[in-house]
Every structure is written in structure tokens, then in C-alpha cells.
Amino acid sequence: MSKKVLIMSASTGGGHNRAAHAIKDELEKKSIDGEHIDCEIVDSLKMINTATDKIISSGYEKSAKYTPKAWGGMYKISDANIMAKNEFKGNLFNTLMCSKLKKLLKDSKPDLIIGTHPFPMIALSTLKKKYPDNNIFSSFYIPPLISVLTDYTAHSTYIQDEIDYYIAGDEYVREVLISEGIDDKKIKVYGIPVEKSFLEHREKSVVLKELGLAPDKFTVLVMGGSFGAGNIKDTLKELISIDRDFQILVIAGRNESLKEKLERSIDKHAFDKTISVLGFTKKMNDILSSVDIIISKPGGLTTTECLIKELPMIVPYYIPGPEEENLDFLSNCGAAIRTSKKFTLSVLLKVLIDNPSRIELIKNNIKAIKKQNTAEDIANLVIDIIG
């Protein structure tokens, strides 16, 4: 009889779902005693009901786009106390999640659960507390739990004693978890999972030509995550005014109105730079391998993909909360540079263009910290636990 693994995700940003798919891809290549592993991704927000999913998912999207400071404030408050690890007992959302998860576990009887988002893992931890006599012969059994951290930090909501293993993005994150009271033996520093296909890419010259760009010119990519968050319009305006010879690729993500505004603005004015604007694209593996610098907000998956591609980042904007902490991580590792009042985007980019050795320095720092077999390492850990 084949083993069953549930991967619990949530649609707050693109990263949690993409990490879940990367793990699923690797698990489905494995087998135990000749039997394949039955692997299913469950969106924990959709599981509760459509209204809740829309409120939380679109709430995150709107906060990311329009009120990032308010989102950051909420993150800090929840990290400090209100939603800390022992405060979930009377939380209505958590109670709903527990009820739905209990039914899911009874129906599907998984051998192991992986979480790429904290919400379902909090609820599963609450259920484990509620049913202390938890074993394979119990009428209601909660299997081993693996929590995958999809940022280079650890919000207090992730910290639950009932989690069997934590997958951390870096040694710094491991130390953060230990300082929060997590047993060192429970922490595996594998990185953040990315699909294996992401490692493959087409020829740089072919990709740039397809995008209407010169194959041999210094190329700057500007983006703001799948929602097109971050002040892309002002960033583009500043880039256009820089007196250096380079071309610009802008990715607006799913933000169609931003794409249209940018295209209208470009059509109205004459520039001495070639600018190409894209909406949502599935060709990020090709694009990140073809550009010289990326200007982006530091989402967990974006950051990981740039590290895998050894692509230096300039970070002029971020959503306060985990992204701010991702930026701290990148800065501490010398893997990205951040703008400030004096060290503007213009100042930083001119130095990088004029001094290619500075770009090489950042690339060498990235080489020292990047991890690219994460999903496979997680799959092997699963085999060790349930095999």
C-alpha cells in the first residue's frame, strides 16, 4: 500500500504554493518498497471556505500593493504577542482550521504532513496538544509534521513544539530558531525549495532577443513579485534618468493596470534606453539567467531564485515584515545591496556598471550561501521518516 503525504499551503503570495509544488515534484519521483508516494497539495485557506480564502488572500495582495506599512505593523504586533505560540486557543480562525483539518485527517489518513505556510501548522499543533495520546493506533492520528520556512526568518507563529522538523533557509535562520527555543536536532538547513526545472535555462542572447532587447547590452530587471507590488513606476523613472548605457526589462506580474500605465508612459516619452514591459510570465528561469542586475522586493522565493541564479539584487522597496527580515539576511551575507537616502538607486547602479568587480564580489558571496537541492533533500527526509 502506497504512503500518503499531504502538503499544506496557502495563497498569500506566490511563494508558498511554488515551494509546495517543488516538494511534490521531488516526492513523486521517489518510492518506498517499490510503491510510489501519493502526494497532494491542499490550499488551507480554500479548505475553510471561499469567503475566508478571498478575504485573507486578497487582503494580503491589497496590503502588499497599497498599504505595506500597515501589513508590516500587523506582522510586528503578531510576532511580538497577540499571535505568539501560546495564544491560539480561542482564535476563531484557528478553531475553524482545526475543525476542517480534523475531518481531512480522518478522511485521507496521511502518513506525513508538510507545511509551506504557518496557518495549517498552527492548527495541526493545536490538535496535537488536544489529543496527547497521539499514536498510529489512536482513533484520531496526527502524523509527523514538517514545517518549511519560506522566508529567511522565523515569525513566532512558526514556532510550535509539536512540529517534528523545521526546514530552514540558512544557518542564520537555524540560530534564530534555536534562540526561540527549538531543539537543534529538529532543524534541517536545506534552503527554500525551488522546482528543479528552474535550474535549466535557454541561451541568454535568444531570451533577450525574444524580449526585444539587445543580446550584448547590460540589462537591468525591475520587478515587484507576482502582484507587482513596490514602487515600480518611480523606480523606472529614476533608472531612465541615469546617464549610463543599459537596457531595462520591467515585469509587472499579475498587476495588469500597472503594466498598462507603464506602457502608456513609455509610449508618450522619448528615451535613450530600450525598455521592455512584461506582465505575468512563467519564464523567470530564463530571464534571471539573462540579466545582469535585478531591482526587486525581497520575497522569500524571489530571493531564493536570485541566489540560485547568482544574480545580484538591489533592494529599494519591501513589504515590512518577513521581506524586511529577508533584506537583513541578504545584507548580512553581502548577497544584495539596499538603497538609502544617500546611497540612492542611481548611485548604487552607476558604481556596479562602472566597476564589474563589485558585481563579481556579490556573486562570490552568493555562491557561498546558495542551496539548490532543497526539494530533493526534503523528499529524502520524508523517506527516512516514513520509509
Protein backbone atom coordinates (compact mmCIF):
# COMPACT_ATOMS: atom_id res chain seq x y z
CA MET A 1 0.00 0.00 0.00
CA SER A 2 1.46 3.38 -1.01
CA LYS A 3 2.33 6.04 1.55
CA LYS A 4 0.41 9.32 1.54
CA VAL A 5 1.87 12.81 2.10
CA LEU A 6 -0.18 16.00 2.40
CA ILE A 7 1.47 19.34 1.63
CA MET A 8 -0.40 22.21 3.29
CA SER A 9 -0.03 25.57 1.55
CA ALA A 10 -1.88 28.94 1.38
CA SER A 11 -2.30 31.55 -1.35
CA THR A 12 -0.77 34.55 0.43
CA GLY A 13 1.79 35.48 -2.23
CA GLY A 14 3.10 33.09 -4.87
CA GLY A 15 5.94 31.59 -2.82
CA HIS A 16 4.11 29.13 -0.54
CA ASN A 17 2.39 27.35 -3.44
CA ARG A 18 5.52 27.25 -5.59
CA ALA A 19 7.52 25.74 -2.72
CA ALA A 20 4.74 23.13 -2.26
CA HIS A 21 4.86 22.17 -5.97
CA ALA A 22 8.67 21.89 -5.87
CA ILE A 23 8.44 19.39 -2.97
CA LYS A 24 5.60 17.45 -4.65
CA ASP A 25 7.64 17.12 -7.87
CA GLU A 26 10.55 15.54 -5.97
CA LEU A 27 8.41 13.30 -3.75
CA GLU A 28 6.62 11.85 -6.76
CA LYS A 29 9.96 10.70 -8.18
CA LYS A 30 10.59 8.62 -5.03
CA SER A 31 9.21 5.26 -3.98
CA ILE A 32 9.09 3.17 -0.79
CA ASP A 33 9.35 -0.64 -1.18
CA GLY A 34 8.57 -0.24 -4.87
CA GLU A 35 5.39 1.75 -4.16
CA HIS A 36 5.06 5.36 -5.34
CA ILE A 37 4.25 8.11 -2.82
CA ASP A 38 0.75 9.56 -3.08
CA CYS A 39 1.25 13.31 -2.69
CA GLU A 40 -1.46 16.01 -2.52
CA ILE A 41 -1.23 19.80 -2.13
CA VAL A 42 -4.03 21.33 -0.04
CA ASP A 43 -4.65 25.09 -0.01
CA SER A 44 -5.52 25.53 3.66
CA LEU A 45 -7.41 28.80 3.13
CA LYS A 46 -9.67 27.37 0.39
CA MET A 47 -10.31 24.41 2.69
CA ILE A 48 -12.08 26.65 5.23
CA ASN A 49 -14.38 28.39 2.74
CA THR A 50 -14.23 30.60 -0.33
CA ALA A 51 -15.04 33.78 1.60
CA THR A 52 -12.19 33.30 4.09
CA ASP A 53 -9.78 32.47 1.28
CA LYS A 54 -10.74 35.62 -0.62
CA ILE A 55 -10.55 37.83 2.48
CA ILE A 56 -7.08 36.63 3.51
CA SER A 57 -5.53 36.11 0.04
CA SER A 58 -6.83 39.34 -1.48
CA GLY A 59 -6.24 41.12 1.84
CA TYR A 60 -2.56 40.17 1.63
CA GLU A 61 -2.41 41.19 -2.05
CA LYS A 62 -4.05 44.59 -1.42
CA SER A 63 -1.89 45.23 1.67
CA ALA A 64 1.22 44.32 -0.32
CA LYS A 65 0.26 46.76 -3.07
CA TYR A 66 -1.38 49.67 -1.27
CA THR A 67 -0.72 49.61 2.49
CA PRO A 68 2.57 47.77 3.06
CA LYS A 69 3.35 49.71 6.28
CA ALA A 70 0.04 48.62 7.82
CA TRP A 71 0.81 44.99 6.87
CA GLY A 72 4.26 45.35 8.45
CA GLY A 73 2.74 46.77 11.63
CA MET A 74 0.37 43.82 11.88
CA TYR A 75 3.30 41.41 11.34
CA LYS A 76 5.31 43.04 14.15
CA ILE A 77 2.38 43.01 16.60
CA SER A 78 1.56 39.38 15.84
CA ASP A 79 5.24 38.40 16.14
CA ALA A 80 5.53 40.15 19.49
CA ASN A 81 2.49 38.83 21.34
CA ILE A 82 -1.08 38.59 20.04
CA MET A 83 -0.49 35.58 17.80
CA ALA A 84 2.53 34.18 19.60
CA LYS A 85 2.84 30.44 20.00
CA ASN A 86 0.59 30.03 23.03
CA GLU A 87 -2.15 32.45 22.02
CA PHE A 88 -4.16 30.42 19.51
CA LYS A 89 -6.56 28.60 21.80
CA GLY A 90 -9.53 30.95 21.42
CA ASN A 91 -8.72 32.22 17.93
CA LEU A 92 -11.83 31.73 15.73
CA PHE A 93 -9.81 31.31 12.52
CA ASN A 94 -7.64 28.64 14.15
CA THR A 95 -10.73 26.86 15.55
CA LEU A 96 -12.23 26.73 12.03
CA MET A 97 -8.95 25.47 10.60
CA CYS A 98 -8.72 22.75 13.31
CA SER A 99 -12.24 21.55 12.55
CA LYS A 100 -11.55 21.28 8.78
CA LEU A 101 -8.14 19.64 9.32
CA LYS A 102 -9.58 17.07 11.71
CA LYS A 103 -12.05 15.97 9.01
CA LEU A 104 -9.29 15.99 6.35
CA LEU A 105 -7.03 13.79 8.51
CA LYS A 106 -9.82 11.31 9.25
CA ASP A 107 -10.74 11.06 5.55
CA SER A 108 -7.29 10.93 3.95
CA LYS A 109 -5.18 9.33 6.74
CA PRO A 110 -1.80 10.78 5.62
CA ASP A 111 1.49 9.24 6.80
CA LEU A 112 3.16 12.67 6.99
CA ILE A 113 2.25 16.36 6.59
CA ILE A 114 4.49 19.11 5.21
CA GLY A 115 3.51 22.77 5.69
CA THR A 116 4.79 25.62 3.49
CA HIS A 117 2.63 28.15 5.42
CA PRO A 118 2.28 28.62 9.21
CA PHE A 119 -1.56 28.74 9.41
CA PRO A 120 -2.23 25.00 8.94
CA MET A 121 0.78 24.04 11.05
CA ILE A 122 -0.54 26.12 13.97
CA ALA A 123 -3.89 24.31 13.74
CA LEU A 124 -2.22 20.88 13.49
CA SER A 125 -0.09 21.74 16.55
CA THR A 126 -3.26 22.76 18.41
CA LEU A 127 -4.83 19.37 17.54
CA LYS A 128 -1.70 17.54 18.75
CA LYS A 129 -1.99 19.38 22.09
CA LYS A 130 -5.69 18.47 22.26
CA TYR A 131 -5.02 14.76 21.61
CA PRO A 132 -1.89 13.98 23.66
CA ASP A 133 -2.29 10.18 23.24
CA ASN A 134 -1.31 10.51 19.62
CA ASN A 135 -0.10 7.29 18.02
CA ILE A 136 -0.75 5.22 14.90
CA PHE A 137 -3.31 3.07 16.76
CA SER A 138 -5.36 6.04 18.04
CA SER A 139 -8.85 6.62 16.63
CA PHE A 140 -7.59 10.03 15.52
CA TYR A 141 -3.92 10.16 14.46
CA ILE A 142 -1.83 13.23 13.61
CA PRO A 143 1.22 12.08 11.62
CA PRO A 144 4.76 13.60 11.74
CA LEU A 145 4.83 17.31 10.82
CA ILE A 146 7.50 19.12 8.78
CA SER A 147 7.35 22.92 8.64
CA VAL A 148 9.10 24.58 5.66
CA LEU A 149 10.06 28.21 6.30
CA THR A 150 9.68 30.12 3.01
CA ASP A 151 11.47 33.27 4.25
CA TYR A 152 14.94 33.82 5.69
CA THR A 153 13.50 34.46 9.14
CA ALA A 154 11.18 32.78 11.65
CA HIS A 155 7.96 34.55 12.70
CA SER A 156 6.78 33.41 16.14
CA THR A 157 3.69 31.80 14.54
CA TYR A 158 6.04 29.20 13.04
CA ILE A 159 7.34 28.21 16.47
CA GLN A 160 5.29 25.23 17.67
CA ASP A 161 6.63 22.50 19.98
CA GLU A 162 4.60 19.83 18.15
CA ILE A 163 6.46 20.27 14.84
CA ASP A 164 8.84 17.34 14.23
CA TYR A 165 11.20 19.07 11.77
CA TYR A 166 11.85 22.61 10.57
CA ILE A 167 13.37 23.26 7.14
CA ALA A 168 15.40 26.47 7.46
CA GLY A 169 16.73 28.60 4.59
CA ASP A 170 20.14 29.30 6.10
CA GLU A 171 22.43 28.78 9.11
CA TYR A 172 21.39 32.25 10.39
CA VAL A 173 17.73 31.09 10.42
CA ARG A 174 18.78 27.93 12.27
CA GLU A 175 20.27 30.10 15.03
CA VAL A 176 17.11 32.25 15.14
CA LEU A 177 15.03 29.07 15.66
CA ILE A 178 17.39 27.83 18.38
CA SER A 179 17.14 31.23 20.12
CA GLU A 180 13.32 30.79 20.01
CA GLY A 181 13.67 27.51 21.91
CA ILE A 182 13.61 24.96 19.07
CA ASP A 183 15.75 21.84 19.59
CA ASP A 184 18.74 21.87 17.22
CA LYS A 185 18.01 18.23 16.22
CA LYS A 186 14.66 19.32 14.74
CA ILE A 187 16.26 21.83 12.34
CA LYS A 188 17.45 20.93 8.84
CA VAL A 189 19.24 23.73 6.97
CA TYR A 190 18.23 22.73 3.44
CA GLY A 191 17.24 26.12 1.99
CA ILE A 192 13.92 27.18 0.43
CA PRO A 193 12.53 24.73 -2.17
CA VAL A 194 12.51 25.67 -5.85
CA GLU A 195 11.46 23.46 -8.81
CA LYS A 196 14.35 21.50 -10.40
CA SER A 197 13.30 22.85 -13.84
CA PHE A 198 14.33 26.28 -12.56
CA LEU A 199 17.98 25.28 -12.84
CA GLU A 200 17.66 24.92 -16.63
CA HIS A 201 17.61 27.93 -18.94
CA ARG A 202 17.94 28.84 -22.60
CA GLU A 203 20.72 30.86 -24.24
CA LYS A 204 20.92 34.45 -22.94
CA SER A 205 21.06 36.02 -26.43
CA VAL A 206 17.92 34.12 -27.56
CA VAL A 207 15.96 35.15 -24.45
CA LEU A 208 16.90 38.85 -24.68
CA LYS A 209 16.10 38.98 -28.43
CA GLU A 210 12.65 37.49 -27.73
CA LEU A 211 12.07 40.29 -25.21
CA GLY A 212 13.02 42.95 -27.78
CA LEU A 213 16.35 43.64 -26.06
CA ALA A 214 19.96 43.68 -27.32
CA PRO A 215 21.77 40.40 -26.53
CA ASP A 216 25.07 42.06 -25.57
CA LYS A 217 23.99 45.11 -23.51
CA PHE A 218 23.99 45.48 -19.69
CA THR A 219 20.43 44.56 -18.66
CA VAL A 220 18.58 45.67 -15.51
CA LEU A 221 15.45 43.78 -14.44
CA VAL A 222 12.82 45.61 -12.35
CA MET A 223 10.04 43.69 -10.61
CA GLY A 224 7.87 43.59 -7.51
CA GLY A 225 6.71 40.00 -7.04
CA SER A 226 3.70 38.23 -8.57
CA PHE A 227 1.38 41.10 -7.50
CA GLY A 228 3.59 43.82 -8.97
CA ALA A 229 3.99 45.41 -5.53
CA GLY A 230 6.70 48.01 -4.79
CA ASN A 231 7.13 51.46 -6.29
CA ILE A 232 7.96 50.26 -9.81
CA LYS A 233 6.79 53.46 -11.57
CA ASP A 234 9.16 55.76 -9.62
CA THR A 235 11.96 53.18 -9.86
CA LEU A 236 11.65 53.14 -13.65
CA LYS A 237 11.62 56.95 -13.74
CA GLU A 238 14.86 57.05 -11.74
CA LEU A 239 16.52 54.38 -13.93
CA ILE A 240 15.67 56.28 -17.13
CA SER A 241 17.48 59.37 -15.80
CA ILE A 242 20.77 57.52 -15.08
CA ASP A 243 23.48 58.57 -17.53
CA ARG A 244 24.82 55.09 -18.28
CA ASP A 245 24.28 52.81 -21.27
CA PHE A 246 21.97 49.93 -20.27
CA GLN A 247 18.57 48.46 -21.14
CA ILE A 248 15.61 47.79 -18.84
CA LEU A 249 13.18 44.90 -18.50
CA VAL A 250 10.15 45.51 -16.25
CA ILE A 251 7.95 42.65 -15.00
CA ALA A 252 4.59 43.89 -13.69
CA GLY A 253 3.40 40.43 -12.59
CA ARG A 254 -0.37 39.97 -12.39
CA ASN A 255 -0.86 43.72 -11.95
CA GLU A 256 -2.43 44.44 -15.37
CA SER A 257 -3.22 48.10 -14.61
CA LEU A 258 0.46 48.72 -13.69
CA LYS A 259 1.56 47.11 -16.98
CA GLU A 260 -0.84 49.34 -18.97
CA LYS A 261 0.24 52.52 -17.11
CA LEU A 262 3.92 51.77 -17.73
CA GLU A 263 3.35 51.04 -21.42
CA ARG A 264 1.33 54.26 -21.88
CA SER A 265 4.02 56.29 -20.11
CA ILE A 266 6.81 54.75 -22.25
CA ASP A 267 4.87 55.39 -25.47
CA LYS A 268 4.37 59.08 -24.57
CA HIS A 269 8.05 59.90 -24.00
CA ALA A 270 11.30 59.52 -25.90
CA PHE A 271 14.15 57.78 -24.03
CA ASP A 272 17.73 56.92 -24.84
CA LYS A 273 17.20 53.48 -23.26
CA THR A 274 15.39 50.40 -24.56
CA ILE A 275 12.60 49.42 -22.16
CA SER A 276 10.59 46.19 -22.38
CA VAL A 277 7.49 45.61 -20.17
CA LEU A 278 6.14 42.13 -19.38
CA GLY A 279 3.09 41.01 -17.38
CA PHE A 280 2.99 37.70 -15.54
CA THR A 281 5.50 35.25 -17.01
CA LYS A 282 6.46 31.61 -16.48
CA LYS A 283 9.92 32.19 -17.97
CA MET A 284 11.66 33.50 -14.85
CA ASN A 285 14.30 30.75 -15.05
CA ASP A 286 15.33 32.08 -18.49
CA ILE A 287 15.02 35.76 -17.53
CA LEU A 288 17.01 35.59 -14.27
CA SER A 289 19.82 33.82 -16.16
CA SER A 290 19.89 36.55 -18.84
CA VAL A 291 20.01 39.83 -16.87
CA ASP A 292 22.93 41.47 -15.03
CA ILE A 293 21.17 43.07 -12.05
CA ILE A 294 17.71 42.72 -10.51
CA ILE A 295 15.89 45.54 -8.69
CA SER A 296 13.18 43.88 -6.64
CA LYS A 297 11.44 43.49 -3.33
CA PRO A 298 12.98 40.56 -1.38
CA GLY A 299 10.18 37.97 -1.20
CA GLY A 300 11.32 34.56 0.06
CA LEU A 301 11.04 32.73 -3.28
CA THR A 302 12.29 35.68 -5.38
CA THR A 303 15.31 35.92 -3.09
CA THR A 304 15.97 32.16 -3.36
CA GLU A 305 15.65 32.18 -7.15
CA CYS A 306 18.13 35.08 -7.40
CA LEU A 307 20.56 33.23 -5.10
CA ILE A 308 20.30 30.07 -7.24
CA LYS A 309 20.98 32.13 -10.40
CA GLU A 310 23.81 34.05 -8.63
CA LEU A 311 22.06 37.29 -9.60
CA PRO A 312 22.98 40.41 -7.57
CA MET A 313 19.99 42.30 -6.13
CA ILE A 314 19.42 45.97 -5.41
CA VAL A 315 16.52 46.38 -2.96
CA PRO A 316 14.86 49.82 -2.93
CA TYR A 317 11.47 48.67 -1.55
CA TYR A 318 9.99 45.83 0.50
CA ILE A 319 6.79 44.89 2.31
CA PRO A 320 7.57 45.43 6.02
CA GLY A 321 7.59 42.13 7.91
CA PRO A 322 9.29 38.98 6.55
CA GLU A 323 10.66 40.83 3.49
CA GLU A 324 12.38 43.37 5.73
CA GLU A 325 14.00 40.44 7.57
CA ASN A 326 14.91 38.77 4.25
CA LEU A 327 16.69 42.03 3.37
CA ASP A 328 18.56 41.94 6.70
CA PHE A 329 19.64 38.39 5.85
CA LEU A 330 20.80 39.32 2.32
CA SER A 331 22.68 42.38 3.60
CA ASN A 332 24.38 40.37 6.37
CA CYS A 333 25.57 37.87 3.74
CA GLY A 334 26.72 40.53 1.24
CA ALA A 335 24.31 38.98 -1.28
CA ALA A 336 22.35 42.17 -2.05
CA ILE A 337 22.67 45.93 -1.64
CA ARG A 338 19.98 48.19 -0.24
CA THR A 339 19.23 51.77 -1.18
CA SER A 340 19.08 54.56 1.40
CA LYS A 341 18.65 58.36 1.42
CA LYS A 342 22.25 58.99 0.32
CA PHE A 343 23.01 55.68 -1.37
CA THR A 344 20.28 56.04 -3.97
CA LEU A 345 19.44 53.56 -6.71
CA SER A 346 21.26 55.86 -9.15
CA VAL A 347 24.45 55.92 -7.03
CA LEU A 348 24.48 52.14 -6.50
CA LEU A 349 23.79 51.19 -10.11
CA LYS A 350 26.42 53.56 -11.52
CA VAL A 351 29.06 52.01 -9.25
CA LEU A 352 28.10 48.46 -10.30
CA ILE A 353 28.12 49.31 -14.02
CA ASP A 354 31.45 51.16 -13.75
CA ASN A 355 33.07 48.50 -11.54
CA PRO A 356 32.25 44.96 -12.73
CA SER A 357 34.47 43.60 -9.94
CA ARG A 358 31.79 44.78 -7.44
CA ILE A 359 29.24 42.56 -9.19
CA GLU A 360 31.69 39.63 -9.02
CA LEU A 361 32.16 40.26 -5.29
CA ILE A 362 28.38 39.95 -4.69
CA LYS A 363 28.25 36.82 -6.89
CA ASN A 364 31.02 35.19 -4.85
CA ASN A 365 29.12 35.93 -1.62
CA ILE A 366 26.01 34.34 -3.15
CA LYS A 367 27.99 31.22 -4.16
CA ALA A 368 28.98 30.78 -0.52
CA ILE A 369 25.36 30.63 0.73
CA LYS A 370 23.15 29.28 -2.08
CA LYS A 371 21.45 25.90 -1.65
CA GLN A 372 19.91 24.26 -4.70
CA ASN A 373 18.84 20.70 -3.79
CA THR A 374 16.31 21.70 -1.15
CA ALA A 375 13.21 19.93 -2.50
CA GLU A 376 15.21 16.70 -3.04
CA ASP A 377 16.66 16.93 0.49
CA ILE A 378 13.14 17.35 1.92
CA ALA A 379 11.92 14.34 -0.13
CA ASN A 380 14.81 12.21 1.25
CA LEU A 381 13.96 13.32 4.80
CA VAL A 382 10.34 12.21 4.22
CA ILE A 383 11.58 8.78 3.05
CA ASP A 384 13.75 8.49 6.20
CA ILE A 385 10.72 9.25 8.42
CA ILE A 386 8.02 7.11 6.78
CA GLY A 387 10.04 4.59 4.76
